[in-house]
Amino acid sequence: MPNLRITQVRSAIGQSQRHRGTLRALGLGRIGRSAEHADSPQLAGMLRKVRHLVRVEEV
């Protein structure tokens, strides 16, 4: 499975509690922070929830 680098590009201010919690679970929380995760169906669901706040690239 490929690894994905997820970078937060927009603020979580004004977002729902679920979106903020999803960012935290991804290891993010500040604009410009990046985290690497192995691709999985669970990760895909989390990214779908916050796709407007993050940038995803394959590593």
PDB file of N, CA and C in Angstrom:
ATOM      1  N   MET A   1       0.842  -1.188   0.000  1.00  0.00           N
ATOM      2  CA  MET A   1       0.000   0.000   0.000  1.00  0.00           C
ATOM      3  C   MET A   1       0.881   1.245   0.000  1.00  0.00           C
ATOM      4  N   PRO A   2       0.532   2.212  -0.824  1.00  0.00           N
ATOM      5  CA  PRO A   2       1.340   3.437  -0.857  1.00  0.00           C
ATOM      6  C   PRO A   2       1.093   4.304   0.376  1.00  0.00           C
ATOM      7  N   ASN A   3       2.086   5.097   0.705  1.00  0.00           N
ATOM      8  CA  ASN A   3       1.927   6.071   1.782  1.00  0.00           C
ATOM      9  C   ASN A   3       1.409   7.367   1.202  1.00  0.00           C
ATOM     10  N   LEU A   4       0.617   8.084   1.994  1.00  0.00           N
ATOM     11  CA  LEU A   4       0.084   9.371   1.591  1.00  0.00           C
ATOM     12  C   LEU A   4       0.586  10.436   2.543  1.00  0.00           C
ATOM     13  N   ARG A   5       0.993  11.578   1.995  1.00  0.00           N
ATOM     14  CA  ARG A   5       1.358  12.727   2.830  1.00  0.00           C
ATOM     15  C   ARG A   5       0.156  13.671   2.808  1.00  0.00           C
ATOM     16  N   ILE A   6      -0.375  13.963   3.989  1.00  0.00           N
ATOM     17  CA  ILE A   6      -1.532  14.828   4.130  1.00  0.00           C
ATOM     18  C   ILE A   6      -1.055  16.128   4.762  1.00  0.00           C
ATOM     19  N   THR A   7      -1.350  17.248   4.133  1.00  0.00           N
ATOM     20  CA  THR A   7      -0.937  18.554   4.623  1.00  0.00           C
ATOM     21  C   THR A   7      -2.174  19.416   4.814  1.00  0.00           C
ATOM     22  N   GLN A   8      -2.286  20.038   5.976  1.00  0.00           N
ATOM     23  CA  GLN A   8      -3.409  20.932   6.231  1.00  0.00           C
ATOM     24  C   GLN A   8      -3.134  22.262   5.536  1.00  0.00           C
ATOM     25  N   VAL A   9      -4.093  22.738   4.722  1.00  0.00           N
ATOM     26  CA  VAL A   9      -3.906  23.968   3.965  1.00  0.00           C
ATOM     27  C   VAL A   9      -4.921  25.046   4.334  1.00  0.00           C
ATOM     28  N   ARG A  10      -5.962  24.679   5.078  1.00  0.00           N
ATOM     29  CA  ARG A  10      -6.950  25.664   5.515  1.00  0.00           C
ATOM     30  C   ARG A  10      -7.221  25.489   6.994  1.00  0.00           C
ATOM     31  N   SER A  11      -7.696  26.556   7.608  1.00  0.00           N
ATOM     32  CA  SER A  11      -7.936  26.564   9.039  1.00  0.00           C
ATOM     33  C   SER A  11      -9.174  25.752   9.406  1.00  0.00           C
ATOM     34  N   ALA A  12      -9.158  25.214  10.631  1.00  0.00           N
ATOM     35  CA  ALA A  12     -10.304  24.468  11.141  1.00  0.00           C
ATOM     36  C   ALA A  12     -11.280  25.384  11.878  1.00  0.00           C
ATOM     37  N   ILE A  13     -10.937  26.672  12.007  1.00  0.00           N
ATOM     38  CA  ILE A  13     -11.831  27.625  12.672  1.00  0.00           C
ATOM     39  C   ILE A  13     -13.118  27.716  11.869  1.00  0.00           C
ATOM     40  N   GLY A  14     -14.230  27.598  12.540  1.00  0.00           N
ATOM     41  CA  GLY A  14     -15.526  27.674  11.881  1.00  0.00           C
ATOM     42  C   GLY A  14     -16.021  26.346  11.351  1.00  0.00           C
ATOM     43  N   GLN A  15     -15.210  25.312  11.462  1.00  0.00           N
ATOM     44  CA  GLN A  15     -15.611  23.980  11.011  1.00  0.00           C
ATOM     45  C   GLN A  15     -16.344  23.264  12.140  1.00  0.00           C
ATOM     46  N   SER A  16     -17.041  22.204  11.786  1.00  0.00           N
ATOM     47  CA  SER A  16     -17.782  21.445  12.798  1.00  0.00           C
ATOM     48  C   SER A  16     -16.806  20.689  13.707  1.00  0.00           C
ATOM     49  N   GLN A  17     -17.307  20.267  14.842  1.00  0.00           N
ATOM     50  CA  GLN A  17     -16.508  19.504  15.798  1.00  0.00           C
ATOM     51  C   GLN A  17     -15.999  18.212  15.177  1.00  0.00           C
ATOM     52  N   ARG A  18     -16.790  17.599  14.324  1.00  0.00           N
ATOM     53  CA  ARG A  18     -16.377  16.355  13.653  1.00  0.00           C
ATOM     54  C   ARG A  18     -15.178  16.598  12.748  1.00  0.00           C
ATOM     55  N   HIS A  19     -15.182  17.711  12.017  1.00  0.00           N
ATOM     56  CA  HIS A  19     -14.063  18.013  11.127  1.00  0.00           C
ATOM     57  C   HIS A  19     -12.799  18.282  11.933  1.00  0.00           C
ATOM     58  N   ARG A  20     -12.925  19.025  13.020  1.00  0.00           N
ATOM     59  CA  ARG A  20     -11.757  19.301  13.860  1.00  0.00           C
ATOM     60  C   ARG A  20     -11.216  18.012  14.468  1.00  0.00           C
ATOM     61  N   GLY A  21     -12.109  17.134  14.896  1.00  0.00           N
ATOM     62  CA  GLY A  21     -11.688  15.849  15.454  1.00  0.00           C
ATOM     63  C   GLY A  21     -10.997  14.973  14.423  1.00  0.00           C
ATOM     64  N   THR A  22     -11.478  15.011  13.196  1.00  0.00           N
ATOM     65  CA  THR A  22     -10.861  14.227  12.126  1.00  0.00           C
ATOM     66  C   THR A  22      -9.454  14.739  11.839  1.00  0.00           C
ATOM     67  N   LEU A  23      -9.274  16.058  11.822  1.00  0.00           N
ATOM     68  CA  LEU A  23      -7.930  16.617  11.627  1.00  0.00           C
ATOM     69  C   LEU A  23      -6.996  16.159  12.739  1.00  0.00           C
ATOM     70  N   ARG A  24      -7.472  16.182  13.972  1.00  0.00           N
ATOM     71  CA  ARG A  24      -6.658  15.736  15.112  1.00  0.00           C
ATOM     72  C   ARG A  24      -6.273  14.267  14.949  1.00  0.00           C
ATOM     73  N   ALA A  25      -7.227  13.438  14.546  1.00  0.00           N
ATOM     74  CA  ALA A  25      -6.966  12.008  14.376  1.00  0.00           C
ATOM     75  C   ALA A  25      -5.949  11.766  13.260  1.00  0.00           C
ATOM     76  N   LEU A  26      -5.886  12.672  12.291  1.00  0.00           N
ATOM     77  CA  LEU A  26      -4.906  12.560  11.209  1.00  0.00           C
ATOM     78  C   LEU A  26      -3.540  13.069  11.638  1.00  0.00           C
ATOM     79  N   GLY A  27      -3.454  13.683  12.804  1.00  0.00           N
ATOM     80  CA  GLY A  27      -2.182  14.203  13.286  1.00  0.00           C
ATOM     81  C   GLY A  27      -1.931  15.631  12.840  1.00  0.00           C
ATOM     82  N   LEU A  28      -2.994  16.329  12.461  1.00  0.00           N
ATOM     83  CA  LEU A  28      -2.875  17.703  12.007  1.00  0.00           C
ATOM     84  C   LEU A  28      -3.470  18.632  13.055  1.00  0.00           C
ATOM     85  N   GLY A  29      -3.602  19.898  12.740  1.00  0.00           N
ATOM     86  CA  GLY A  29      -4.191  20.836  13.685  1.00  0.00           C
ATOM     87  C   GLY A  29      -3.687  22.243  13.462  1.00  0.00           C
ATOM     88  N   ARG A  30      -2.740  22.397  12.555  1.00  0.00           N
ATOM     89  CA  ARG A  30      -2.178  23.713  12.280  1.00  0.00           C
ATOM     90  C   ARG A  30      -1.891  23.778  10.777  1.00  0.00           C
ATOM     91  N   ILE A  31      -2.134  24.911  10.168  1.00  0.00           N
ATOM     92  CA  ILE A  31      -1.884  25.061   8.734  1.00  0.00           C
ATOM     93  C   ILE A  31      -0.406  24.819   8.461  1.00  0.00           C
ATOM     94  N   GLY A  32      -0.137  24.026   7.430  1.00  0.00           N
ATOM     95  CA  GLY A  32       1.239  23.714   7.053  1.00  0.00           C
ATOM     96  C   GLY A  32       1.769  22.432   7.649  1.00  0.00           C
ATOM     97  N   ARG A  33       1.082  21.878   8.636  1.00  0.00           N
ATOM     98  CA  ARG A  33       1.517  20.604   9.233  1.00  0.00           C
ATOM     99  C   ARG A  33       1.255  19.469   8.273  1.00  0.00           C
ATOM    100  N   SER A  34       2.152  18.508   8.262  1.00  0.00           N
ATOM    101  CA  SER A  34       1.998  17.331   7.408  1.00  0.00           C
ATOM    102  C   SER A  34       2.079  16.066   8.243  1.00  0.00           C
ATOM    103  N   ALA A  35       1.441  15.020   7.762  1.00  0.00           N
ATOM    104  CA  ALA A  35       1.511  13.712   8.397  1.00  0.00           C
ATOM    105  C   ALA A  35       1.485  12.668   7.288  1.00  0.00           C
ATOM    106  N   GLU A  36       2.172  11.562   7.520  1.00  0.00           N
ATOM    107  CA  GLU A  36       2.181  10.468   6.550  1.00  0.00           C
ATOM    108  C   GLU A  36       1.431   9.276   7.120  1.00  0.00           C
ATOM    109  N   HIS A  37       0.587   8.689   6.293  1.00  0.00           N
ATOM    110  CA  HIS A  37      -0.211   7.531   6.688  1.00  0.00           C
ATOM    111  C   HIS A  37      -0.244   6.544   5.542  1.00  0.00           C
ATOM    112  N   ALA A  38      -0.375   5.271   5.873  1.00  0.00           N
ATOM    113  CA  ALA A  38      -0.565   4.239   4.854  1.00  0.00           C
ATOM    114  C   ALA A  38      -1.997   4.333   4.343  1.00  0.00           C
ATOM    115  N   ASP A  39      -2.155   4.170   3.048  1.00  0.00           N
ATOM    116  CA  ASP A  39      -3.480   4.258   2.431  1.00  0.00           C
ATOM    117  C   ASP A  39      -4.351   3.098   2.914  1.00  0.00           C
ATOM    118  N   SER A  40      -5.598   3.394   3.287  1.00  0.00           N
ATOM    119  CA  SER A  40      -6.547   2.377   3.743  1.00  0.00           C
ATOM    120  C   SER A  40      -7.958   2.902   3.536  1.00  0.00           C
ATOM    121  N   PRO A  41      -8.953   2.037   3.583  1.00  0.00           N
ATOM    122  CA  PRO A  41     -10.338   2.503   3.448  1.00  0.00           C
ATOM    123  C   PRO A  41     -10.735   3.466   4.574  1.00  0.00           C
ATOM    124  N   GLN A  42     -10.222   3.237   5.787  1.00  0.00           N
ATOM    125  CA  GLN A  42     -10.539   4.127   6.900  1.00  0.00           C
ATOM    126  C   GLN A  42      -9.971   5.520   6.654  1.00  0.00           C
ATOM    127  N   LEU A  43      -8.743   5.569   6.164  1.00  0.00           N
ATOM    128  CA  LEU A  43      -8.104   6.847   5.867  1.00  0.00           C
ATOM    129  C   LEU A  43      -8.858   7.568   4.749  1.00  0.00           C
ATOM    130  N   ALA A  44      -9.302   6.830   3.745  1.00  0.00           N
ATOM    131  CA  ALA A  44     -10.040   7.440   2.631  1.00  0.00           C
ATOM    132  C   ALA A  44     -11.318   8.104   3.131  1.00  0.00           C
ATOM    133  N   GLY A  45     -11.999   7.467   4.069  1.00  0.00           N
ATOM    134  CA  GLY A  45     -13.213   8.054   4.632  1.00  0.00           C
ATOM    135  C   GLY A  45     -12.922   9.320   5.414  1.00  0.00           C
ATOM    136  N   MET A  46     -11.812   9.323   6.175  1.00  0.00           N
ATOM    137  CA  MET A  46     -11.436  10.514   6.934  1.00  0.00           C
ATOM    138  C   MET A  46     -11.087  11.658   5.986  1.00  0.00           C
ATOM    139  N   LEU A  47     -10.360  11.349   4.917  1.00  0.00           N
ATOM    140  CA  LEU A  47      -9.968  12.385   3.968  1.00  0.00           C
ATOM    141  C   LEU A  47     -11.170  12.940   3.212  1.00  0.00           C
ATOM    142  N   ARG A  48     -12.142  12.092   2.933  1.00  0.00           N
ATOM    143  CA  ARG A  48     -13.359  12.566   2.271  1.00  0.00           C
ATOM    144  C   ARG A  48     -14.084  13.584   3.148  1.00  0.00           C
ATOM    145  N   LYS A  49     -14.010  13.387   4.465  1.00  0.00           N
ATOM    146  CA  LYS A  49     -14.687  14.271   5.411  1.00  0.00           C
ATOM    147  C   LYS A  49     -14.048  15.658   5.450  1.00  0.00           C
ATOM    148  N   VAL A  50     -12.720  15.736   5.270  1.00  0.00           N
ATOM    149  CA  VAL A  50     -12.018  17.020   5.407  1.00  0.00           C
ATOM    150  C   VAL A  50     -11.269  17.404   4.131  1.00  0.00           C
ATOM    151  N   ARG A  51     -11.746  16.954   2.983  1.00  0.00           N
ATOM    152  CA  ARG A  51     -11.016  17.185   1.733  1.00  0.00           C
ATOM    153  C   ARG A  51     -10.868  18.667   1.400  1.00  0.00           C
ATOM    154  N   HIS A  52     -11.741  19.520   1.937  1.00  0.00           N
ATOM    155  CA  HIS A  52     -11.657  20.951   1.665  1.00  0.00           C
ATOM    156  C   HIS A  52     -10.615  21.642   2.537  1.00  0.00           C
ATOM    157  N   LEU A  53     -10.029  20.919   3.497  1.00  0.00           N
ATOM    158  CA  LEU A  53      -9.052  21.511   4.419  1.00  0.00           C
ATOM    159  C   LEU A  53      -7.633  20.998   4.197  1.00  0.00           C
ATOM    160  N   VAL A  54      -7.471  19.937   3.416  1.00  0.00           N
ATOM    161  CA  VAL A  54      -6.157  19.297   3.300  1.00  0.00           C
ATOM    162  C   VAL A  54      -5.749  19.111   1.844  1.00  0.00           C
ATOM    163  N   ARG A  55      -4.446  18.890   1.652  1.00  0.00           N
ATOM    164  CA  ARG A  55      -3.886  18.504   0.352  1.00  0.00           C
ATOM    165  C   ARG A  55      -3.258  17.133   0.537  1.00  0.00           C
ATOM    166  N   VAL A  56      -3.515  16.233  -0.391  1.00  0.00           N
ATOM    167  CA  VAL A  56      -3.030  14.865  -0.294  1.00  0.00           C
ATOM    168  C   VAL A  56      -2.104  14.578  -1.464  1.00  0.00           C
ATOM    169  N   GLU A  57      -0.928  14.007  -1.159  1.00  0.00           N
ATOM    170  CA  GLU A  57       0.001  13.603  -2.216  1.00  0.00           C
ATOM    171  C   GLU A  57       0.564  12.237  -1.887  1.00  0.00           C
ATOM    172  N   GLU A  58       0.837  11.466  -2.921  1.00  0.00           N
ATOM    173  CA  GLU A  58       1.397  10.129  -2.745  1.00  0.00           C
ATOM    174  C   GLU A  58       2.892  10.255  -2.563  1.00  0.00           C
ATOM    175  N   VAL A  59       3.438   9.491  -1.598  1.00  0.00           N
ATOM    176  CA  VAL A  59       4.879   9.542  -1.300  1.00  0.00           C
ATOM    177  C   VAL A  59       5.551   8.332  -1.895  1.00  0.00           C
TER     178      VAL A  59
END
